[in-house]
Amino acid sequence: MTDTEIEITADLVRDLLQEQHPDLAGLAIREVAGGWGNQMWRLGDELAVRMQRMDPTPELQLKERQWLPVLAPRLPLPVPTPVRFGEPSERFPKHWTVMTWVAGEPLDHGSISRGAQAADTLAGFLRALHVEAPAEAPTSSDFGAHPKKCTDGFDYFFEAVVPGDIADEVRAVWDDAVAAPEWEGPPVWVHGDLHPANVVVSDGTLSGIVDFGAMFAGDPAWDLAAAWVLLPAGTASRFFDMYAHADEAAIRRARGLAAMKSLFLMLMGQNGDRGLPGGKPNWGPIGRAALDRVLKGV
């Protein structure tokens, strides 16, 4: 087997714990559905094991190990925090990390019924996260660029999934984002990958944020896109009022990025319908609903 084909089982997880963190090896282990770059396993009631799977390098996990302990104490929602490090070994030649478990149901398998509460919660979380990052903070070439530098990706998603009856509207939103001024403030901490599988909900509202592998220092518009990607229809205006730090240009960039993220969700849904690796059949309707919210605006 190649590294990417190693079958990750509960027995493997327990063996690795026994080798490197034997005091945790007696806790119950159960698989968590989902995950592509990394696979998650519950460890007892309060912990999880994050196993590098399809990610070609350990960079994302190592980034979380370094920076989540710095960010977590000042964030108003639970986030996974590393507590133990698993190093590559003969048994499993990749990285793995024991992290705190964030309770709740992933939004792509749940729903938000308390829209105003969720808008306020997300705005408060992003206000706390979006502070100036230190000079040594990670940057990103995949996430964080101005929309004008992402046209190839947008065009690919657009051609693959946009229905003809709304194509002109979607293109207009993107063109407006491309024309918007660039972020002129200092680079701030950005989650970078806020979509329905990377947030958890309980009691009808947001209750946690997970998967910080894409985090970087840069333009907050990449997170502000969540106003349409995550929140129910009609709550984006409340979100931006509560966030209070987004100017017109940031909102324009965010709306275009939300369109691109929605198309990505739709493409992942299409891939799932076709049985392709990594596809998520339930993401198609989620992405289309998000795109409809984008087209309606704030």
Protein backbone atom coordinates (compact mmCIF):
# COMPACT_ATOMS: atom_id res chain seq x y z
CA MET A 1 0.00 0.00 0.00
CA THR A 2 1.08 3.60 -0.55
CA ASP A 3 0.95 6.04 2.33
CA THR A 4 -2.35 7.46 1.12
CA GLU A 5 -3.86 3.96 0.99
CA ILE A 6 -3.11 3.00 4.58
CA GLU A 7 -6.37 1.87 6.13
CA ILE A 8 -6.98 3.83 9.30
CA THR A 9 -8.88 1.70 11.79
CA ALA A 10 -9.75 1.92 15.45
CA ASP A 11 -7.12 -0.73 16.12
CA LEU A 12 -4.46 1.36 14.37
CA VAL A 13 -5.43 4.45 16.36
CA ARG A 14 -5.25 2.48 19.61
CA ASP A 15 -1.87 0.99 18.68
CA LEU A 16 -0.46 4.44 17.95
CA LEU A 17 -1.76 5.77 21.24
CA GLN A 18 -0.27 2.79 23.06
CA GLU A 19 3.11 3.52 21.46
CA GLN A 20 3.22 7.28 21.95
CA HIS A 21 0.58 8.27 24.55
CA PRO A 22 -0.24 5.11 26.49
CA ASP A 23 -2.20 6.96 29.17
CA LEU A 24 -4.87 7.69 26.52
CA ALA A 25 -4.97 4.24 24.94
CA GLY A 26 -7.73 2.95 27.22
CA LEU A 27 -10.30 5.55 26.14
CA ALA A 28 -13.15 4.58 23.81
CA ILE A 29 -12.37 5.12 20.12
CA ARG A 30 -15.02 5.63 17.44
CA GLU A 31 -14.83 6.95 13.90
CA VAL A 32 -16.27 10.33 12.95
CA ALA A 33 -17.95 10.41 9.54
CA GLY A 34 -16.62 12.80 6.93
CA GLY A 35 -13.20 14.28 6.46
CA TRP A 36 -10.99 14.00 3.41
CA GLY A 37 -7.55 15.46 4.01
CA ASN A 38 -7.71 14.22 7.59
CA GLN A 39 -9.75 11.54 9.30
CA MET A 40 -11.20 12.13 12.78
CA TRP A 41 -11.73 9.64 15.58
CA ARG A 42 -13.49 10.38 18.86
CA LEU A 43 -11.33 9.57 21.85
CA GLY A 44 -13.40 9.27 24.99
CA ASP A 45 -15.89 12.09 25.55
CA GLU A 46 -13.63 15.13 25.39
CA LEU A 47 -10.90 14.38 22.84
CA ALA A 48 -10.45 13.49 19.17
CA VAL A 49 -7.58 12.11 17.09
CA ARG A 50 -6.93 13.91 13.81
CA MET A 51 -5.15 11.57 11.39
CA GLN A 52 -3.41 12.88 8.27
CA ARG A 53 -4.91 10.98 5.37
CA MET A 54 -5.10 12.55 1.88
CA ASP A 55 -3.23 15.76 2.71
CA PRO A 56 0.10 15.35 0.89
CA THR A 57 2.09 17.16 3.58
CA PRO A 58 1.67 17.63 7.34
CA GLU A 59 1.72 21.42 6.94
CA LEU A 60 -1.92 21.95 7.85
CA GLN A 61 -1.74 19.90 11.04
CA LEU A 62 1.55 21.50 12.05
CA LYS A 63 -0.01 24.92 11.53
CA GLU A 64 -2.90 24.02 13.82
CA ARG A 65 -0.48 22.68 16.42
CA GLN A 66 1.45 25.93 16.46
CA TRP A 67 -1.27 28.54 16.32
CA LEU A 68 -4.53 27.16 17.75
CA PRO A 69 -3.20 27.22 21.32
CA VAL A 70 -2.43 30.91 20.74
CA LEU A 71 -5.82 31.78 19.25
CA ALA A 72 -8.20 29.56 21.23
CA PRO A 73 -8.09 31.39 24.60
CA ARG A 74 -9.46 34.61 23.13
CA LEU A 75 -12.13 33.14 20.85
CA PRO A 76 -15.76 33.17 22.08
CA LEU A 77 -16.67 29.78 20.58
CA PRO A 78 -15.08 26.38 21.21
CA VAL A 79 -12.39 25.41 18.70
CA PRO A 80 -10.29 22.22 18.58
CA THR A 81 -7.10 22.71 20.58
CA PRO A 82 -4.12 20.35 20.29
CA VAL A 83 -3.22 18.56 23.52
CA ARG A 84 -0.85 15.78 22.32
CA PHE A 85 1.28 15.30 19.22
CA GLY A 86 1.58 12.03 17.30
CA GLU A 87 4.72 11.72 15.20
CA PRO A 88 5.32 9.58 12.08
CA SER A 89 6.41 6.04 12.85
CA GLU A 90 6.92 2.71 11.12
CA ARG A 91 3.32 1.82 12.01
CA PHE A 92 1.91 5.03 10.50
CA PRO A 93 4.33 7.29 8.55
CA LYS A 94 2.24 10.44 8.92
CA HIS A 95 1.38 13.02 11.56
CA TRP A 96 -1.59 12.78 13.90
CA THR A 97 -2.77 15.05 16.68
CA VAL A 98 -4.93 14.58 19.76
CA MET A 99 -7.24 17.59 20.07
CA THR A 100 -10.13 18.72 22.19
CA TRP A 101 -13.52 17.63 20.82
CA VAL A 102 -15.94 20.39 19.81
CA ALA A 103 -19.45 19.22 20.66
CA GLY A 104 -22.32 19.75 18.23
CA GLU A 105 -23.53 18.62 14.83
CA PRO A 106 -21.77 19.73 11.61
CA LEU A 107 -23.94 22.26 9.82
CA ASP A 108 -23.92 20.20 6.62
CA HIS A 109 -25.90 17.61 8.59
CA GLY A 110 -27.81 20.07 10.77
CA SER A 111 -29.56 23.41 10.48
CA ILE A 112 -29.77 26.89 11.95
CA SER A 113 -33.23 27.82 13.20
CA ARG A 114 -32.20 30.81 15.34
CA GLY A 115 -30.88 32.98 12.54
CA ALA A 116 -30.47 36.23 14.45
CA GLN A 117 -28.62 34.46 17.26
CA ALA A 118 -26.35 32.71 14.76
CA ALA A 119 -25.60 35.99 12.96
CA ASP A 120 -24.64 37.65 16.23
CA THR A 121 -22.55 34.66 17.27
CA LEU A 122 -20.66 34.46 13.99
CA ALA A 123 -20.04 38.23 13.99
CA GLY A 124 -18.70 38.09 17.52
CA PHE A 125 -16.44 35.17 16.71
CA LEU A 126 -14.98 36.85 13.63
CA ARG A 127 -14.49 40.16 15.44
CA ALA A 128 -12.41 38.30 18.01
CA LEU A 129 -10.49 36.33 15.37
CA HIS A 130 -9.83 39.20 12.94
CA VAL A 131 -7.08 40.98 14.82
CA GLU A 132 -3.70 41.90 13.40
CA ALA A 133 -1.57 38.78 13.02
CA PRO A 134 2.11 38.64 13.97
CA ALA A 135 4.75 38.88 11.27
CA GLU A 136 5.52 35.16 11.56
CA ALA A 137 1.88 34.13 10.98
CA PRO A 138 1.28 31.85 7.97
CA THR A 139 0.23 33.26 4.63
CA SER A 140 -1.62 31.43 1.87
CA SER A 141 -1.40 31.22 -1.88
CA ASP A 142 -4.59 29.16 -2.20
CA PHE A 143 -6.75 31.20 0.16
CA GLY A 144 -6.59 34.90 0.88
CA ALA A 145 -5.98 36.42 -2.53
CA HIS A 146 -8.07 39.24 -3.95
CA PRO A 147 -10.90 37.82 -6.10
CA LYS A 148 -9.20 39.14 -9.24
CA LYS A 149 -6.45 36.56 -8.62
CA CYS A 150 -8.98 33.74 -8.28
CA THR A 151 -10.71 34.04 -11.65
CA ASP A 152 -9.41 30.70 -12.94
CA GLY A 153 -10.93 28.84 -10.00
CA PHE A 154 -14.18 30.75 -10.23
CA ASP A 155 -14.44 30.14 -13.99
CA TYR A 156 -13.86 26.42 -13.48
CA PHE A 157 -16.65 26.13 -10.92
CA PHE A 158 -18.90 28.44 -12.94
CA GLU A 159 -18.61 26.39 -16.11
CA ALA A 160 -19.13 23.14 -14.21
CA VAL A 161 -22.27 23.87 -12.24
CA VAL A 162 -23.96 27.25 -12.80
CA PRO A 163 -27.53 26.90 -14.13
CA GLY A 164 -28.03 28.91 -17.30
CA ASP A 165 -30.98 30.89 -15.95
CA ILE A 166 -28.84 32.59 -13.28
CA ALA A 167 -25.46 32.63 -15.03
CA ASP A 168 -25.54 36.36 -15.77
CA GLU A 169 -26.47 37.23 -12.19
CA VAL A 170 -23.71 35.07 -10.74
CA ARG A 171 -21.16 36.52 -13.16
CA ALA A 172 -22.21 40.06 -12.22
CA VAL A 173 -21.64 39.38 -8.52
CA TRP A 174 -18.18 37.99 -9.27
CA ASP A 175 -17.25 40.85 -11.59
CA ASP A 176 -18.25 43.33 -8.90
CA ALA A 177 -15.98 41.57 -6.39
CA VAL A 178 -13.10 41.59 -8.87
CA ALA A 179 -13.58 45.34 -9.34
CA ALA A 180 -13.67 46.06 -5.59
CA PRO A 181 -10.65 47.75 -3.97
CA GLU A 182 -8.12 45.51 -2.23
CA TRP A 183 -7.82 45.06 1.52
CA GLU A 184 -5.71 47.96 2.80
CA GLY A 185 -5.51 47.08 6.47
CA PRO A 186 -2.88 44.97 8.18
CA PRO A 187 -3.07 41.21 7.66
CA VAL A 188 -5.50 39.77 10.23
CA TRP A 189 -6.07 36.20 11.37
CA VAL A 190 -8.48 34.46 9.00
CA HIS A 191 -9.99 30.97 9.30
CA GLY A 192 -10.14 30.83 5.52
CA ASP A 193 -12.40 27.82 5.00
CA LEU A 194 -15.74 28.54 6.66
CA HIS A 195 -18.24 26.21 5.04
CA PRO A 196 -21.02 24.04 6.49
CA ALA A 197 -18.77 21.07 7.32
CA ASN A 198 -16.36 23.24 9.30
CA VAL A 199 -18.83 24.70 11.80
CA VAL A 200 -20.98 22.89 14.32
CA VAL A 201 -24.44 23.76 15.57
CA SER A 202 -26.58 22.95 18.57
CA ASP A 203 -29.89 24.33 19.81
CA GLY A 204 -30.47 25.91 16.39
CA THR A 205 -27.39 28.15 16.37
CA LEU A 206 -23.63 28.08 15.90
CA SER A 207 -21.79 26.41 18.76
CA GLY A 208 -18.24 25.82 17.49
CA ILE A 209 -15.76 26.27 14.65
CA VAL A 210 -13.45 23.48 13.48
CA ASP A 211 -10.72 22.68 10.91
CA PHE A 212 -8.27 25.57 11.00
CA GLY A 213 -5.86 23.93 8.56
CA ALA A 214 -6.35 26.73 6.03
CA MET A 215 -5.88 29.62 8.48
CA PHE A 216 -3.70 32.49 7.37
CA ALA A 217 -2.99 36.17 7.86
CA GLY A 218 -4.68 38.30 5.24
CA ASP A 219 -7.98 39.71 3.98
CA PRO A 220 -10.95 39.12 6.33
CA ALA A 221 -13.35 39.04 3.34
CA TRP A 222 -12.56 35.33 3.01
CA ASP A 223 -14.35 34.76 6.32
CA LEU A 224 -17.02 37.41 5.83
CA ALA A 225 -18.31 35.34 2.90
CA ALA A 226 -19.80 33.10 5.61
CA ALA A 227 -22.61 35.66 5.98
CA TRP A 228 -24.19 33.97 2.94
CA VAL A 229 -22.53 30.54 2.95
CA LEU A 230 -23.52 29.67 6.54
CA LEU A 231 -26.32 31.93 7.74
CA PRO A 232 -30.03 31.65 6.87
CA ALA A 233 -31.62 33.97 4.32
CA GLY A 234 -32.24 37.49 5.54
CA THR A 235 -29.58 37.57 8.26
CA ALA A 236 -26.53 38.85 6.35
CA SER A 237 -27.39 42.50 7.04
CA ARG A 238 -27.64 41.81 10.76
CA PHE A 239 -24.30 39.98 10.64
CA PHE A 240 -22.53 42.93 9.01
CA ASP A 241 -24.14 45.39 11.42
CA MET A 242 -22.89 43.33 14.37
CA TYR A 243 -19.44 42.76 12.85
CA ALA A 244 -19.19 46.54 12.30
CA HIS A 245 -15.73 46.51 10.72
CA ALA A 246 -16.50 45.73 7.07
CA ASP A 247 -16.53 48.59 4.58
CA GLU A 248 -18.33 48.49 1.23
CA ALA A 249 -15.30 47.08 -0.58
CA ALA A 250 -14.92 44.23 1.92
CA ILE A 251 -18.59 43.33 1.55
CA ARG A 252 -18.30 43.31 -2.23
CA ARG A 253 -15.25 41.05 -2.10
CA ALA A 254 -16.96 38.82 0.46
CA ARG A 255 -20.08 38.45 -1.64
CA GLY A 256 -18.08 37.39 -4.68
CA LEU A 257 -16.08 34.92 -2.61
CA ALA A 258 -19.35 33.58 -1.21
CA ALA A 259 -20.51 32.98 -4.78
CA MET A 260 -17.32 31.05 -5.52
CA LYS A 261 -17.60 29.01 -2.30
CA SER A 262 -21.24 28.22 -3.13
CA LEU A 263 -20.23 26.96 -6.56
CA PHE A 264 -17.55 24.81 -4.94
CA LEU A 265 -20.17 23.23 -2.67
CA MET A 266 -22.38 22.60 -5.69
CA LEU A 267 -19.49 20.97 -7.56
CA MET A 268 -18.70 18.74 -4.57
CA GLY A 269 -22.36 17.75 -4.56
CA GLN A 270 -22.22 16.96 -8.27
CA ASN A 271 -19.09 14.86 -7.71
CA GLY A 272 -20.91 13.01 -4.94
CA ASP A 273 -23.85 12.30 -7.21
CA ARG A 274 -21.40 10.82 -9.71
CA GLY A 275 -19.66 8.70 -7.07
CA LEU A 276 -16.32 10.49 -7.43
CA PRO A 277 -13.77 10.40 -4.57
CA GLY A 278 -14.30 13.17 -2.05
CA GLY A 279 -17.74 14.04 -3.40
CA LYS A 280 -20.52 15.00 -1.00
CA PRO A 281 -24.02 14.43 -2.43
CA ASN A 282 -25.71 16.49 0.29
CA TRP A 283 -23.57 19.53 -0.49
CA GLY A 284 -25.28 20.21 -3.81
CA PRO A 285 -28.55 21.55 -2.34
CA ILE A 286 -26.58 23.33 0.40
CA GLY A 287 -24.47 25.12 -2.19
CA ARG A 288 -27.46 26.09 -4.33
CA ALA A 289 -29.28 27.51 -1.30
CA ALA A 290 -26.16 29.54 -0.43
CA LEU A 291 -25.90 30.80 -4.00
CA ASP A 292 -29.54 31.92 -3.90
CA ARG A 293 -28.74 33.90 -0.73
CA VAL A 294 -25.74 35.48 -2.45
CA LEU A 295 -27.86 36.62 -5.37
CA LYS A 296 -30.37 38.24 -3.02
CA GLY A 297 -27.55 40.27 -1.46
CA VAL A 298 -27.33 41.72 2.04
